[in-house]
Amino acid sequence: MSTLIYCQNQIAASPYYIEEASLNVYSLEEISYFILNNVYLLSNKFMSYDLCNWIGRELKEKKLSEDLSSLVQNNAPLHIFVGHILSSNGYSSQKEIKDTLNLVATFENKSEAERKKMRADRLMAADRIVDAIYEYESLLADDVTKTMSTVVEGDVYHNLGTAFARLFLFDQATRCFDEAYKRNKKKASLSQLLFTLKCKRDSQAFEDYIAKYQIPKEFVEEINRTVSDINGKAEITSFDKAINDLQFDENLDKFYDGVKDTISQWKKEYIKLCTI
């Protein structure tokens, strides 16, 4: 945990280990921080007697420990349990608590497979691409996939393919979109498969998949038009022109500095996507 957190309450001598995040916490404020920033990792495993006992023993919060233990004993909803913790210290604002509890409540009536997919989808939406990949792969390797329909499993492969494509890992993305289309038979998965092959510039594989899935000529033409339209967008053509103009600038230092700055910015953006 790299963020500095001001703790007004008791600090534990021995930490509590949150297995979902491989994280040690020492205070109610740190637990609140974890909840607010990792809602997608929460499950009923978090609502445990071990946590309740630790709060009573290490943080000397006897009343809170008893209240939480009672909730566990009575199989209370997870969002009620989480709400008690967030409300027990001054770390979270009322809006943060309300928004978090509403989000937690969306998980509670879902199957384990659905919850895992939702967590992975939220990671993707937050641009935590590598974390999303781990979550999707974990879901596909888990026995809970047996509870998913074939179409939903295909959708998971589709999203995994999207994650790989955003990291320019087009070989992995191609395999995922192929697996997705085998299961969900959705036009979106087939489109992304062909777009990925265009990104790879693998014309032979492009033709092979057209033959494999007997893709109509009209569909292929639609894909080609879309790629052509994207390549013709102003932000792409203007960038190409700027790079080409730099090449003919008499000041070569300016050219190299311009290229270096552009590559540096791309690296920063890519590293941000790869952050775990």
Protein backbone atom coordinates (compact mmCIF):
# COMPACT_ATOMS: atom_id res chain seq x y z
CA MET A 1 0.00 0.00 0.00
CA SER A 2 1.87 3.11 -1.23
CA THR A 3 -0.59 5.80 -0.10
CA LEU A 4 -0.03 7.59 3.21
CA ILE A 5 -3.10 7.18 5.42
CA TYR A 6 -3.67 9.23 8.58
CA CYS A 7 -5.03 6.90 11.25
CA GLN A 8 -6.95 8.36 14.18
CA ASN A 9 -7.76 4.99 15.74
CA GLN A 10 -5.75 2.11 17.21
CA ILE A 11 -2.86 0.68 15.19
CA ALA A 12 -2.47 -3.10 15.44
CA ALA A 13 0.77 -4.67 16.60
CA SER A 14 0.05 -7.68 14.37
CA PRO A 15 -1.51 -7.06 10.94
CA TYR A 16 -4.56 -8.66 9.40
CA TYR A 17 -3.83 -10.40 6.11
CA ILE A 18 -6.37 -9.77 3.35
CA GLU A 19 -5.98 -12.82 1.15
CA GLU A 20 -7.87 -11.37 -1.83
CA ALA A 21 -5.20 -8.70 -2.28
CA SER A 22 -2.20 -10.35 -0.58
CA LEU A 23 -2.16 -7.33 1.71
CA ASN A 24 -1.40 -6.68 5.40
CA VAL A 25 -3.46 -3.97 7.11
CA TYR A 26 -2.93 -2.45 10.55
CA SER A 27 -5.96 -0.21 11.13
CA LEU A 28 -9.62 0.40 10.37
CA GLU A 29 -8.58 3.25 8.08
CA GLU A 30 -6.42 0.91 6.00
CA ILE A 31 -9.28 -1.60 5.77
CA SER A 32 -11.56 1.24 4.63
CA TYR A 33 -9.00 2.29 2.03
CA PHE A 34 -8.83 -1.29 0.75
CA ILE A 35 -12.63 -1.54 0.51
CA LEU A 36 -13.06 1.78 -1.30
CA ASN A 37 -10.34 1.05 -3.86
CA ASN A 38 -10.90 -2.68 -4.36
CA VAL A 39 -14.65 -3.17 -4.33
CA TYR A 40 -14.33 -5.63 -7.20
CA LEU A 41 -12.20 -7.94 -5.00
CA LEU A 42 -14.76 -8.23 -2.22
CA SER A 43 -16.64 -11.46 -1.70
CA ASN A 44 -18.32 -13.26 1.17
CA LYS A 45 -14.88 -14.60 2.17
CA PHE A 46 -14.09 -11.09 3.39
CA MET A 47 -16.94 -11.35 5.92
CA SER A 48 -15.16 -13.68 8.34
CA TYR A 49 -14.90 -14.34 12.07
CA ASP A 50 -11.13 -13.99 11.72
CA LEU A 51 -11.51 -10.34 10.72
CA CYS A 52 -14.06 -9.72 13.47
CA ASN A 53 -11.81 -11.25 16.13
CA TRP A 54 -8.77 -9.34 14.88
CA ILE A 55 -10.67 -6.04 15.12
CA GLY A 56 -11.58 -6.82 18.72
CA ARG A 57 -8.21 -8.23 19.76
CA GLU A 58 -5.71 -5.99 17.93
CA LEU A 59 -7.67 -2.76 17.49
CA LYS A 60 -9.46 -2.97 20.86
CA GLU A 61 -12.79 -2.29 19.11
CA LYS A 62 -14.86 -4.72 21.20
CA LYS A 63 -18.28 -3.30 20.31
CA LEU A 64 -17.55 -3.24 16.56
CA SER A 65 -16.11 -6.75 16.76
CA GLU A 66 -19.28 -8.03 18.44
CA ASP A 67 -21.55 -6.27 15.95
CA LEU A 68 -19.63 -7.67 12.97
CA SER A 69 -19.57 -11.17 14.46
CA SER A 70 -23.33 -11.00 14.88
CA LEU A 71 -23.71 -10.07 11.21
CA VAL A 72 -21.56 -13.04 10.19
CA GLN A 73 -23.53 -15.38 12.44
CA ASN A 74 -26.84 -14.18 10.97
CA ASN A 75 -25.60 -14.40 7.36
CA ALA A 76 -26.21 -10.70 6.82
CA PRO A 77 -25.65 -9.24 3.33
CA LEU A 78 -22.07 -8.33 2.56
CA HIS A 79 -22.89 -4.65 2.00
CA ILE A 80 -24.24 -4.37 5.56
CA PHE A 81 -21.01 -5.86 6.95
CA VAL A 82 -18.91 -3.52 4.82
CA GLY A 83 -21.07 -0.55 5.81
CA HIS A 84 -20.40 -1.16 9.50
CA ILE A 85 -16.64 -1.07 8.89
CA LEU A 86 -16.71 2.05 6.70
CA SER A 87 -18.93 3.88 9.19
CA SER A 88 -16.76 2.95 12.18
CA ASN A 89 -14.01 5.47 11.43
CA GLY A 90 -13.67 8.87 9.81
CA TYR A 91 -11.77 7.79 6.72
CA SER A 92 -14.70 7.58 4.27
CA SER A 93 -17.14 10.33 3.33
CA GLN A 94 -20.87 9.64 3.38
CA LYS A 95 -20.97 9.75 -0.42
CA GLU A 96 -18.10 7.27 -0.69
CA ILE A 97 -19.85 4.92 1.72
CA LYS A 98 -23.17 5.17 -0.13
CA ASP A 99 -21.61 4.62 -3.56
CA THR A 100 -19.51 1.70 -2.31
CA LEU A 101 -22.44 -0.05 -0.64
CA ASN A 102 -24.57 0.33 -3.75
CA LEU A 103 -21.77 -1.23 -5.77
CA VAL A 104 -21.26 -4.10 -3.32
CA ALA A 105 -24.99 -4.79 -3.37
CA THR A 106 -24.83 -5.44 -7.12
CA PHE A 107 -22.54 -8.42 -6.46
CA GLU A 108 -24.55 -10.13 -3.80
CA ASN A 109 -27.27 -11.82 -5.82
CA LYS A 110 -24.91 -12.94 -8.57
CA SER A 111 -23.26 -16.31 -9.01
CA GLU A 112 -19.53 -16.62 -8.34
CA ALA A 113 -18.86 -16.67 -12.09
CA GLU A 114 -20.94 -13.52 -12.62
CA ARG A 115 -19.17 -11.73 -9.76
CA LYS A 116 -15.76 -12.60 -11.15
CA LYS A 117 -16.74 -11.37 -14.60
CA MET A 118 -18.10 -8.14 -13.14
CA ARG A 119 -14.88 -7.58 -11.23
CA ALA A 120 -12.82 -8.18 -14.36
CA ASP A 121 -15.08 -5.88 -16.41
CA ARG A 122 -14.67 -3.11 -13.82
CA LEU A 123 -10.90 -3.54 -13.93
CA MET A 124 -11.03 -3.16 -17.70
CA ALA A 125 -13.18 -0.04 -17.39
CA ALA A 126 -10.63 1.40 -14.96
CA ASP A 127 -7.78 0.72 -17.45
CA ARG A 128 -6.23 -1.84 -15.11
CA ILE A 129 -5.61 -4.11 -18.07
CA VAL A 130 -3.13 -6.58 -16.60
CA ASP A 131 -5.29 -7.08 -13.51
CA ALA A 132 -8.28 -7.67 -15.79
CA ILE A 133 -6.34 -10.27 -17.79
CA TYR A 134 -5.46 -12.17 -14.61
CA GLU A 135 -9.09 -12.03 -13.50
CA TYR A 136 -10.49 -13.25 -16.85
CA GLU A 137 -7.91 -16.04 -17.08
CA SER A 138 -8.63 -17.07 -13.49
CA LEU A 139 -12.33 -17.18 -14.29
CA LEU A 140 -11.82 -19.32 -17.38
CA ALA A 141 -9.58 -21.72 -15.44
CA ASP A 142 -12.02 -21.99 -12.53
CA ASP A 143 -14.65 -24.67 -12.04
CA VAL A 144 -17.26 -21.89 -11.80
CA THR A 145 -17.21 -21.72 -15.60
CA LYS A 146 -19.35 -24.86 -15.49
CA THR A 147 -22.18 -22.66 -14.23
CA MET A 148 -21.84 -20.25 -17.16
CA SER A 149 -23.66 -20.61 -20.44
CA THR A 150 -21.56 -21.16 -23.56
CA VAL A 151 -22.46 -17.66 -24.77
CA VAL A 152 -21.28 -16.02 -21.53
CA GLU A 153 -18.06 -18.00 -21.65
CA GLY A 154 -17.59 -16.70 -25.19
CA ASP A 155 -18.15 -13.15 -23.93
CA VAL A 156 -15.41 -13.67 -21.32
CA TYR A 157 -13.02 -14.77 -24.07
CA HIS A 158 -14.07 -11.71 -26.09
CA ASN A 159 -13.23 -9.36 -23.21
CA LEU A 160 -9.94 -11.14 -22.60
CA GLY A 161 -9.10 -10.69 -26.27
CA THR A 162 -9.88 -6.99 -25.98
CA ALA A 163 -7.50 -6.71 -23.02
CA PHE A 164 -4.69 -8.41 -24.94
CA ALA A 165 -5.35 -6.23 -28.00
CA ARG A 166 -5.06 -3.06 -25.91
CA LEU A 167 -1.55 -4.20 -24.96
CA PHE A 168 -0.76 -4.94 -28.63
CA LEU A 169 -0.51 -8.67 -27.86
CA PHE A 170 -2.24 -9.56 -31.08
CA ASP A 171 -1.36 -13.27 -31.18
CA GLN A 172 -3.08 -13.83 -27.83
CA ALA A 173 -5.95 -11.56 -28.84
CA THR A 174 -6.49 -13.53 -32.04
CA ARG A 175 -6.79 -16.82 -30.16
CA CYS A 176 -9.22 -15.30 -27.65
CA PHE A 177 -11.51 -13.77 -30.28
CA ASP A 178 -11.49 -17.08 -32.15
CA GLU A 179 -12.52 -18.94 -28.97
CA ALA A 180 -15.13 -16.26 -28.30
CA TYR A 181 -16.76 -16.60 -31.72
CA LYS A 182 -16.79 -20.41 -31.48
CA ARG A 183 -18.94 -20.05 -28.36
CA ASN A 184 -21.09 -16.94 -28.72
CA LYS A 185 -21.38 -16.67 -32.53
CA LYS A 186 -21.58 -12.91 -32.15
CA LYS A 187 -20.75 -10.51 -34.96
CA ALA A 188 -18.76 -8.35 -32.52
CA SER A 189 -16.35 -11.19 -31.74
CA LEU A 190 -15.92 -12.07 -35.39
CA SER A 191 -15.33 -8.40 -36.25
CA GLN A 192 -12.68 -8.04 -33.55
CA LEU A 193 -10.98 -11.22 -34.77
CA LEU A 194 -10.66 -9.76 -38.27
CA PHE A 195 -9.61 -6.32 -36.97
CA THR A 196 -6.88 -7.97 -34.90
CA LEU A 197 -5.56 -9.78 -37.94
CA LYS A 198 -5.48 -6.45 -39.75
CA CYS A 199 -3.46 -5.00 -36.88
CA LYS A 200 -1.08 -7.95 -37.18
CA ARG A 201 -0.92 -7.33 -40.94
CA ASP A 202 -1.33 -11.05 -41.38
CA SER A 203 -3.14 -11.19 -44.72
CA GLN A 204 -2.82 -14.96 -45.00
CA ALA A 205 -4.47 -15.58 -41.62
CA PHE A 206 -7.13 -13.01 -42.56
CA GLU A 207 -8.01 -15.01 -45.66
CA ASP A 208 -7.82 -18.30 -43.74
CA TYR A 209 -10.39 -17.15 -41.19
CA ILE A 210 -12.65 -15.84 -43.92
CA ALA A 211 -12.62 -19.34 -45.42
CA LYS A 212 -12.88 -21.07 -42.01
CA TYR A 213 -16.06 -19.24 -41.02
CA GLN A 214 -17.36 -18.73 -44.56
CA ILE A 215 -17.62 -15.01 -43.97
CA PRO A 216 -19.75 -13.19 -46.57
CA LYS A 217 -18.05 -10.80 -48.96
CA GLU A 218 -20.18 -7.91 -47.70
CA PHE A 219 -18.94 -8.46 -44.14
CA VAL A 220 -15.30 -8.49 -45.26
CA GLU A 221 -15.82 -5.29 -47.26
CA GLU A 222 -17.32 -3.67 -44.16
CA ILE A 223 -14.21 -4.57 -42.16
CA ASN A 224 -11.91 -3.21 -44.85
CA ARG A 225 -13.88 0.04 -45.08
CA THR A 226 -13.71 0.53 -41.32
CA VAL A 227 -9.95 0.00 -41.27
CA SER A 228 -9.52 2.39 -44.18
CA ASP A 229 -11.67 5.04 -42.46
CA ILE A 230 -9.65 4.75 -39.25
CA ASN A 231 -6.34 5.04 -41.10
CA GLY A 232 -7.66 8.15 -42.81
CA LYS A 233 -8.62 9.98 -39.61
CA ALA A 234 -7.12 13.42 -39.16
CA GLU A 235 -5.23 12.59 -35.96
CA ILE A 236 -3.44 9.73 -37.73
CA THR A 237 -2.69 11.48 -41.02
CA SER A 238 -1.58 14.68 -39.23
CA PHE A 239 0.78 12.64 -37.04
CA ASP A 240 2.26 10.91 -40.10
CA LYS A 241 2.73 14.30 -41.78
CA ALA A 242 4.38 15.78 -38.69
CA ILE A 243 6.86 12.90 -38.50
CA ASN A 244 7.60 13.12 -42.22
CA ASP A 245 8.09 16.90 -42.01
CA LEU A 246 10.55 16.45 -39.15
CA GLN A 247 12.69 14.20 -41.33
CA PHE A 248 13.31 17.04 -43.77
CA ASP A 249 13.97 19.65 -41.12
CA GLU A 250 17.52 20.95 -41.35
CA ASN A 251 17.79 20.75 -37.59
CA LEU A 252 18.23 17.00 -37.03
CA ASP A 253 18.33 17.49 -33.28
CA LYS A 254 14.76 18.80 -33.47
CA PHE A 255 13.73 15.69 -35.43
CA TYR A 256 15.28 13.28 -32.94
CA ASP A 257 13.91 15.22 -29.97
CA GLY A 258 10.44 15.13 -31.50
CA VAL A 259 10.58 11.39 -32.10
CA LYS A 260 12.04 10.79 -28.63
CA ASP A 261 9.25 12.82 -26.98
CA THR A 262 6.57 10.93 -28.89
CA ILE A 263 8.03 7.53 -28.01
CA SER A 264 8.42 8.59 -24.38
CA GLN A 265 4.74 9.55 -24.21
CA TRP A 266 3.71 6.22 -25.77
CA LYS A 267 5.85 4.36 -23.23
CA LYS A 268 4.25 6.22 -20.33
CA GLU A 269 0.76 5.40 -21.61
CA TYR A 270 1.66 1.75 -22.15
CA ILE A 271 3.30 1.40 -18.73
CA LYS A 272 0.19 2.90 -17.15
CA LEU A 273 -1.96 0.23 -18.84
CA CYS A 274 0.41 -2.48 -17.59
CA THR A 275 0.35 -1.27 -13.98
CA ILE A 276 -0.85 -3.94 -11.53
